[in-house]
Amino acid sequence: MNPYGDVVDPTSGKIIAGTRNPDKSSNHEFIDSLEFMISSMDKNSFNVTGINTIIGIVSTNAKRTKEEVNKVAQMPQDGIARTIRPSSHTMFDDDTIFALATGGKSADVSVIGAVAADVFAMAVINGVKKAKTT
């Protein structure tokens, strides 16, 4: 996971990872990436290099059609949007979520997708909390 933007804990609304303020007097607190993008818009100075990517997979043992699996792959974006601001789909992101169904069990597509969104939100927060600096 390497998103552009801030990772926000949805339970507290606080930024827990993101761009730090380069001002030495700021104690390197986080800046609000979306506010920075907006304030830089008129100056043509907003420039991000590289590509930021979130890649994930949803796997279920439910029996699903191709169309239903595609729908399940879309729904975890809601979990990403709960935790990353600005969310995916900026010009700086190259995000992909895959889904697969192994067949056998019965389950509602909406339930699978809604749970997947919750799991993706938790995964983003857990990933940040367990990350180690190099």
N, C-alpha and C. Protein backbone atom coordinates (compact mmCIF):
# COMPACT_ATOMS: atom_id res chain seq x y z
N MET A 1 0.85 -1.17 0.00
CA MET A 1 0.00 0.00 0.00
C MET A 1 0.89 1.23 0.00
N ASN A 2 0.68 2.09 -0.96
CA ASN A 2 1.44 3.32 -1.08
C ASN A 2 0.52 4.40 -1.64
N PRO A 3 -0.50 4.81 -0.87
CA PRO A 3 -1.46 5.76 -1.43
C PRO A 3 -0.92 7.17 -1.44
N TYR A 4 -1.44 7.98 -2.37
CA TYR A 4 -1.23 9.41 -2.27
C TYR A 4 -2.32 9.90 -1.33
N GLY A 5 -1.99 10.78 -0.43
CA GLY A 5 -3.00 11.33 0.47
C GLY A 5 -2.75 10.94 1.90
N ASP A 6 -3.68 11.32 2.75
CA ASP A 6 -3.57 11.08 4.18
C ASP A 6 -4.33 9.82 4.55
N VAL A 7 -3.77 9.06 5.48
CA VAL A 7 -4.50 7.94 6.05
C VAL A 7 -5.15 8.46 7.33
N VAL A 8 -6.47 8.36 7.36
CA VAL A 8 -7.25 8.92 8.45
C VAL A 8 -7.94 7.79 9.20
N ASP A 9 -7.79 7.77 10.51
CA ASP A 9 -8.49 6.79 11.33
C ASP A 9 -9.96 7.17 11.35
N PRO A 10 -10.84 6.34 10.78
CA PRO A 10 -12.25 6.73 10.69
C PRO A 10 -12.94 6.83 12.04
N THR A 11 -12.39 6.23 13.08
CA THR A 11 -13.03 6.32 14.39
C THR A 11 -12.73 7.64 15.08
N SER A 12 -11.56 8.23 14.81
CA SER A 12 -11.19 9.50 15.46
C SER A 12 -11.17 10.68 14.50
N GLY A 13 -11.06 10.42 13.20
CA GLY A 13 -10.94 11.49 12.22
C GLY A 13 -9.55 12.09 12.16
N LYS A 14 -8.59 11.52 12.87
CA LYS A 14 -7.22 12.05 12.90
C LYS A 14 -6.35 11.42 11.82
N ILE A 15 -5.48 12.25 11.25
CA ILE A 15 -4.50 11.75 10.28
C ILE A 15 -3.47 10.94 11.04
N ILE A 16 -3.25 9.69 10.61
CA ILE A 16 -2.25 8.85 11.26
C ILE A 16 -1.04 8.58 10.36
N ALA A 17 -1.15 8.94 9.10
CA ALA A 17 -0.02 8.85 8.18
C ALA A 17 -0.29 9.78 7.02
N GLY A 18 0.77 10.31 6.44
CA GLY A 18 0.59 11.22 5.32
C GLY A 18 1.78 12.12 5.14
N THR A 19 1.56 13.21 4.46
CA THR A 19 2.62 14.18 4.19
C THR A 19 2.87 15.02 5.43
N ARG A 20 4.13 15.12 5.77
CA ARG A 20 4.50 15.91 6.95
C ARG A 20 4.83 17.34 6.53
N ASN A 21 4.55 18.26 7.42
CA ASN A 21 4.86 19.66 7.21
C ASN A 21 6.38 19.84 7.25
N PRO A 22 6.98 20.38 6.19
CA PRO A 22 8.43 20.53 6.17
C PRO A 22 8.95 21.66 7.06
N ASP A 23 8.06 22.51 7.54
CA ASP A 23 8.46 23.63 8.41
C ASP A 23 9.06 23.08 9.71
N LYS A 24 10.29 23.45 10.00
CA LYS A 24 11.01 22.95 11.17
C LYS A 24 10.28 23.27 12.47
N SER A 25 9.57 24.38 12.53
CA SER A 25 8.90 24.77 13.76
C SER A 25 7.60 23.99 13.99
N SER A 26 7.18 23.20 13.02
CA SER A 26 5.89 22.52 13.12
C SER A 26 5.97 21.19 13.84
N ASN A 27 7.18 20.77 14.23
CA ASN A 27 7.39 19.46 14.84
C ASN A 27 6.98 18.35 13.87
N HIS A 28 7.04 18.65 12.59
CA HIS A 28 6.75 17.71 11.51
C HIS A 28 5.35 17.09 11.61
N GLU A 29 4.37 17.89 12.00
CA GLU A 29 2.99 17.41 12.02
C GLU A 29 2.54 17.14 10.59
N PHE A 30 1.45 16.42 10.47
CA PHE A 30 0.90 16.12 9.15
C PHE A 30 0.20 17.35 8.60
N ILE A 31 0.31 17.52 7.28
CA ILE A 31 -0.49 18.55 6.62
C ILE A 31 -1.72 17.85 6.03
N ASP A 32 -2.73 18.58 5.74
CA ASP A 32 -3.92 18.04 5.10
C ASP A 32 -3.66 18.05 3.60
N SER A 33 -3.48 16.87 3.01
CA SER A 33 -3.11 16.77 1.59
C SER A 33 -4.14 17.40 0.67
N LEU A 34 -5.41 17.21 0.96
CA LEU A 34 -6.44 17.80 0.10
C LEU A 34 -6.40 19.32 0.19
N GLU A 35 -6.26 19.86 1.38
CA GLU A 35 -6.15 21.32 1.53
C GLU A 35 -4.92 21.84 0.79
N PHE A 36 -3.82 21.10 0.85
CA PHE A 36 -2.61 21.49 0.14
C PHE A 36 -2.85 21.49 -1.37
N MET A 37 -3.53 20.46 -1.87
CA MET A 37 -3.85 20.41 -3.30
C MET A 37 -4.69 21.61 -3.71
N ILE A 38 -5.69 21.92 -2.91
CA ILE A 38 -6.58 23.04 -3.23
C ILE A 38 -5.82 24.36 -3.20
N SER A 39 -5.00 24.57 -2.18
CA SER A 39 -4.28 25.83 -2.06
C SER A 39 -3.20 25.98 -3.13
N SER A 40 -2.73 24.89 -3.70
CA SER A 40 -1.69 24.95 -4.72
C SER A 40 -2.25 25.00 -6.13
N MET A 41 -3.54 24.83 -6.26
CA MET A 41 -4.18 24.74 -7.58
C MET A 41 -3.94 25.98 -8.43
N ASP A 42 -4.06 27.16 -7.85
CA ASP A 42 -3.92 28.40 -8.61
C ASP A 42 -2.47 28.69 -8.99
N LYS A 43 -1.55 28.11 -8.27
CA LYS A 43 -0.14 28.44 -8.46
C LYS A 43 0.56 27.52 -9.47
N ASN A 44 -0.16 26.54 -9.98
CA ASN A 44 0.45 25.55 -10.87
C ASN A 44 1.70 24.94 -10.26
N SER A 45 1.72 24.87 -8.94
CA SER A 45 2.91 24.35 -8.27
C SER A 45 2.70 22.97 -7.68
N PHE A 46 1.50 22.45 -7.81
CA PHE A 46 1.24 21.14 -7.24
C PHE A 46 1.78 20.08 -8.18
N ASN A 47 2.76 19.35 -7.72
CA ASN A 47 3.40 18.35 -8.56
C ASN A 47 3.75 17.14 -7.71
N VAL A 48 3.32 15.99 -8.14
CA VAL A 48 3.64 14.75 -7.45
C VAL A 48 4.37 13.86 -8.43
N THR A 49 5.48 13.33 -8.01
CA THR A 49 6.22 12.42 -8.88
C THR A 49 6.00 11.00 -8.43
N GLY A 50 6.13 10.09 -9.36
CA GLY A 50 5.96 8.68 -9.03
C GLY A 50 4.51 8.27 -9.07
N ILE A 51 4.30 7.02 -8.78
CA ILE A 51 2.96 6.47 -8.79
C ILE A 51 2.67 5.90 -7.41
N ASN A 52 1.48 6.12 -6.94
CA ASN A 52 1.04 5.62 -5.65
C ASN A 52 -0.02 4.57 -5.90
N THR A 53 0.11 3.45 -5.22
CA THR A 53 -0.72 2.31 -5.57
C THR A 53 -1.26 1.60 -4.34
N ILE A 54 -2.51 1.19 -4.43
CA ILE A 54 -3.09 0.25 -3.48
C ILE A 54 -3.53 -0.95 -4.31
N ILE A 55 -3.06 -2.11 -3.92
CA ILE A 55 -3.46 -3.35 -4.58
C ILE A 55 -4.04 -4.27 -3.53
N GLY A 56 -5.16 -4.87 -3.84
CA GLY A 56 -5.78 -5.78 -2.88
C GLY A 56 -6.59 -6.85 -3.57
N ILE A 57 -7.04 -7.80 -2.78
CA ILE A 57 -7.86 -8.89 -3.31
C ILE A 57 -8.95 -9.25 -2.32
N VAL A 58 -10.12 -9.54 -2.84
CA VAL A 58 -11.23 -10.06 -2.05
C VAL A 58 -11.47 -11.48 -2.54
N SER A 59 -11.43 -12.40 -1.63
CA SER A 59 -11.66 -13.80 -1.97
C SER A 59 -12.83 -14.32 -1.13
N THR A 60 -13.75 -14.99 -1.79
CA THR A 60 -14.89 -15.55 -1.09
C THR A 60 -15.11 -16.99 -1.54
N ASN A 61 -15.65 -17.78 -0.65
CA ASN A 61 -15.98 -19.16 -1.02
C ASN A 61 -17.43 -19.27 -1.48
N ALA A 62 -18.04 -18.13 -1.79
CA ALA A 62 -19.41 -18.11 -2.31
C ALA A 62 -19.41 -18.39 -3.81
N LYS A 63 -20.52 -18.86 -4.29
CA LYS A 63 -20.70 -19.07 -5.72
C LYS A 63 -21.21 -17.77 -6.31
N ARG A 64 -20.45 -17.18 -7.25
CA ARG A 64 -20.79 -15.90 -7.85
C ARG A 64 -20.58 -15.95 -9.35
N THR A 65 -21.36 -15.14 -10.08
CA THR A 65 -21.14 -14.98 -11.51
C THR A 65 -20.00 -13.99 -11.73
N LYS A 66 -19.57 -13.88 -12.97
CA LYS A 66 -18.51 -12.92 -13.31
C LYS A 66 -18.95 -11.50 -12.96
N GLU A 67 -20.16 -11.14 -13.29
CA GLU A 67 -20.67 -9.80 -13.00
C GLU A 67 -20.73 -9.53 -11.50
N GLU A 68 -21.13 -10.54 -10.74
CA GLU A 68 -21.21 -10.37 -9.29
C GLU A 68 -19.82 -10.23 -8.67
N VAL A 69 -18.87 -10.98 -9.18
CA VAL A 69 -17.49 -10.85 -8.67
C VAL A 69 -16.94 -9.47 -9.01
N ASN A 70 -17.24 -8.96 -10.19
CA ASN A 70 -16.82 -7.60 -10.54
C ASN A 70 -17.42 -6.58 -9.57
N LYS A 71 -18.68 -6.76 -9.19
CA LYS A 71 -19.31 -5.85 -8.23
C LYS A 71 -18.61 -5.94 -6.88
N VAL A 72 -18.29 -7.15 -6.45
CA VAL A 72 -17.58 -7.33 -5.18
C VAL A 72 -16.22 -6.63 -5.22
N ALA A 73 -15.56 -6.64 -6.36
CA ALA A 73 -14.25 -5.97 -6.48
C ALA A 73 -14.38 -4.45 -6.39
N GLN A 74 -15.52 -3.90 -6.75
CA GLN A 74 -15.73 -2.45 -6.69
C GLN A 74 -15.99 -1.95 -5.27
N MET A 75 -16.67 -2.71 -4.48
CA MET A 75 -17.17 -2.25 -3.19
C MET A 75 -16.09 -1.95 -2.15
N PRO A 76 -14.95 -2.63 -2.13
CA PRO A 76 -13.91 -2.27 -1.16
C PRO A 76 -13.36 -0.86 -1.33
N GLN A 77 -13.60 -0.24 -2.48
CA GLN A 77 -13.19 1.15 -2.65
C GLN A 77 -13.84 2.04 -1.59
N ASP A 78 -15.01 1.65 -1.10
CA ASP A 78 -15.66 2.41 -0.03
C ASP A 78 -14.81 2.38 1.24
N GLY A 79 -14.21 1.25 1.54
CA GLY A 79 -13.34 1.15 2.70
C GLY A 79 -12.09 2.00 2.54
N ILE A 80 -11.58 2.04 1.34
CA ILE A 80 -10.42 2.90 1.06
C ILE A 80 -10.81 4.36 1.23
N ALA A 81 -11.98 4.73 0.73
CA ALA A 81 -12.44 6.12 0.84
C ALA A 81 -12.67 6.53 2.29
N ARG A 82 -13.00 5.59 3.16
CA ARG A 82 -13.17 5.91 4.59
C ARG A 82 -11.86 6.25 5.26
N THR A 83 -10.76 5.76 4.71
CA THR A 83 -9.48 5.87 5.40
C THR A 83 -8.42 6.69 4.68
N ILE A 84 -8.57 6.93 3.40
CA ILE A 84 -7.55 7.67 2.65
C ILE A 84 -8.20 8.90 2.03
N ARG A 85 -7.59 10.07 2.30
CA ARG A 85 -8.14 11.34 1.80
C ARG A 85 -7.04 12.18 1.21
N PRO A 86 -7.12 12.68 -0.01
CA PRO A 86 -8.18 12.32 -0.94
C PRO A 86 -8.07 10.84 -1.28
N SER A 87 -9.20 10.28 -1.59
CA SER A 87 -9.26 8.85 -1.83
C SER A 87 -8.61 8.49 -3.16
N SER A 88 -8.67 7.24 -3.46
CA SER A 88 -8.13 6.73 -4.72
C SER A 88 -8.72 7.47 -5.91
N HIS A 89 -8.23 7.16 -7.03
CA HIS A 89 -8.72 7.69 -8.31
C HIS A 89 -8.25 9.10 -8.61
N THR A 90 -7.23 9.60 -7.90
CA THR A 90 -6.61 10.84 -8.34
C THR A 90 -5.68 10.51 -9.50
N MET A 91 -5.11 11.50 -10.11
CA MET A 91 -4.17 11.28 -11.20
C MET A 91 -2.84 10.72 -10.70
N PHE A 92 -2.70 10.62 -9.37
CA PHE A 92 -1.46 10.13 -8.78
C PHE A 92 -1.58 8.70 -8.29
N ASP A 93 -2.74 8.08 -8.48
CA ASP A 93 -2.99 6.73 -7.98
C ASP A 93 -3.15 5.75 -9.14
N ASP A 94 -2.79 4.54 -8.86
CA ASP A 94 -2.93 3.45 -9.83
C ASP A 94 -3.44 2.24 -9.06
N ASP A 95 -4.66 2.33 -8.54
CA ASP A 95 -5.19 1.34 -7.62
C ASP A 95 -5.93 0.22 -8.34
N THR A 96 -5.83 -0.97 -7.77
CA THR A 96 -6.52 -2.13 -8.33
C THR A 96 -6.96 -3.04 -7.20
N ILE A 97 -8.20 -3.48 -7.27
CA ILE A 97 -8.69 -4.50 -6.36
C ILE A 97 -9.22 -5.64 -7.20
N PHE A 98 -8.73 -6.82 -6.91
CA PHE A 98 -9.17 -8.03 -7.59
C PHE A 98 -10.17 -8.76 -6.70
N ALA A 99 -11.00 -9.59 -7.30
CA ALA A 99 -11.92 -10.43 -6.52
C ALA A 99 -12.00 -11.79 -7.18
N LEU A 100 -12.24 -12.78 -6.35
CA LEU A 100 -12.46 -14.12 -6.88
C LEU A 100 -13.44 -14.84 -5.98
N ALA A 101 -14.13 -15.79 -6.58
CA ALA A 101 -15.09 -16.61 -5.86
C ALA A 101 -14.79 -18.06 -6.19
N THR A 102 -14.65 -18.87 -5.16
CA THR A 102 -14.28 -20.27 -5.37
C THR A 102 -15.48 -21.18 -5.50
N GLY A 103 -16.68 -20.65 -5.32
CA GLY A 103 -17.90 -21.43 -5.52
C GLY A 103 -18.31 -22.22 -4.29
N GLY A 104 -19.43 -22.82 -4.30
CA GLY A 104 -19.81 -23.71 -3.22
C GLY A 104 -20.82 -23.14 -2.24
N LYS A 105 -20.53 -22.06 -1.57
CA LYS A 105 -21.39 -21.51 -0.53
C LYS A 105 -22.37 -20.49 -1.11
N SER A 106 -23.41 -20.23 -0.38
CA SER A 106 -24.40 -19.23 -0.79
C SER A 106 -24.20 -17.99 0.06
N ALA A 107 -24.15 -16.82 -0.58
CA ALA A 107 -24.02 -15.55 0.14
C ALA A 107 -24.46 -14.42 -0.78
N ASP A 108 -25.01 -13.39 -0.18
CA ASP A 108 -25.49 -12.24 -0.91
C ASP A 108 -24.33 -11.36 -1.37
N VAL A 109 -24.36 -10.91 -2.60
CA VAL A 109 -23.30 -10.06 -3.17
C VAL A 109 -23.14 -8.78 -2.35
N SER A 110 -24.23 -8.15 -1.98
CA SER A 110 -24.14 -6.90 -1.22
C SER A 110 -23.49 -7.10 0.14
N VAL A 111 -23.79 -8.22 0.78
CA VAL A 111 -23.18 -8.51 2.08
C VAL A 111 -21.68 -8.75 1.91
N ILE A 112 -21.30 -9.53 0.93
CA ILE A 112 -19.88 -9.79 0.68
C ILE A 112 -19.14 -8.48 0.44
N GLY A 113 -19.69 -7.63 -0.43
CA GLY A 113 -19.04 -6.36 -0.75
C GLY A 113 -18.98 -5.41 0.43
N ALA A 114 -20.06 -5.34 1.22
CA ALA A 114 -20.08 -4.45 2.39
C ALA A 114 -19.05 -4.89 3.42
N VAL A 115 -18.95 -6.19 3.65
CA VAL A 115 -17.95 -6.71 4.59
C VAL A 115 -16.55 -6.46 4.03
N ALA A 116 -16.37 -6.63 2.74
CA ALA A 116 -15.06 -6.37 2.12
C ALA A 116 -14.65 -4.91 2.31
N ALA A 117 -15.58 -3.98 2.22
CA ALA A 117 -15.27 -2.57 2.43
C ALA A 117 -14.79 -2.34 3.86
N ASP A 118 -15.47 -2.95 4.83
CA ASP A 118 -15.03 -2.84 6.23
C ASP A 118 -13.65 -3.43 6.43
N VAL A 119 -13.41 -4.58 5.82
CA VAL A 119 -12.11 -5.26 5.96
C VAL A 119 -11.00 -4.42 5.32
N PHE A 120 -11.26 -3.82 4.18
CA PHE A 120 -10.25 -2.97 3.54
C PHE A 120 -9.94 -1.75 4.40
N ALA A 121 -10.94 -1.14 5.01
CA ALA A 121 -10.70 -0.01 5.90
C ALA A 121 -9.81 -0.43 7.07
N MET A 122 -10.13 -1.57 7.68
CA MET A 122 -9.31 -2.08 8.79
C MET A 122 -7.90 -2.41 8.33
N ALA A 123 -7.78 -2.96 7.12
CA ALA A 123 -6.45 -3.32 6.61
C ALA A 123 -5.57 -2.09 6.40
N VAL A 124 -6.15 -1.01 5.92
CA VAL A 124 -5.38 0.23 5.73
C VAL A 124 -4.87 0.72 7.08
N ILE A 125 -5.74 0.78 8.07
CA ILE A 125 -5.35 1.27 9.40
C ILE A 125 -4.31 0.33 10.01
N ASN A 126 -4.55 -0.97 9.94
CA ASN A 126 -3.58 -1.93 10.50
C ASN A 126 -2.23 -1.84 9.80
N GLY A 127 -2.25 -1.66 8.49
CA GLY A 127 -1.00 -1.54 7.74
C GLY A 127 -0.17 -0.35 8.19
N VAL A 128 -0.83 0.76 8.43
CA VAL A 128 -0.12 1.96 8.90
C VAL A 128 0.41 1.74 10.31
N LYS A 129 -0.40 1.19 11.18
CA LYS A 129 0.01 1.00 12.57
C LYS A 129 1.15 -0.01 12.72
N LYS A 130 1.23 -0.96 11.81
CA LYS A 130 2.27 -1.99 11.91
C LYS A 130 3.50 -1.70 11.03
N ALA A 131 3.43 -0.63 10.26
CA ALA A 131 4.55 -0.30 9.36
C ALA A 131 5.79 0.08 10.16
N LYS A 132 6.93 -0.28 9.62
CA LYS A 132 8.21 0.07 10.23
C LYS A 132 8.98 0.95 9.27
N THR A 133 9.68 1.93 9.81
CA THR A 133 10.49 2.80 8.97
C THR A 133 11.75 2.06 8.56
N THR A 134 12.27 2.43 7.41
CA THR A 134 13.50 1.79 6.94
C THR A 134 14.65 2.76 6.96
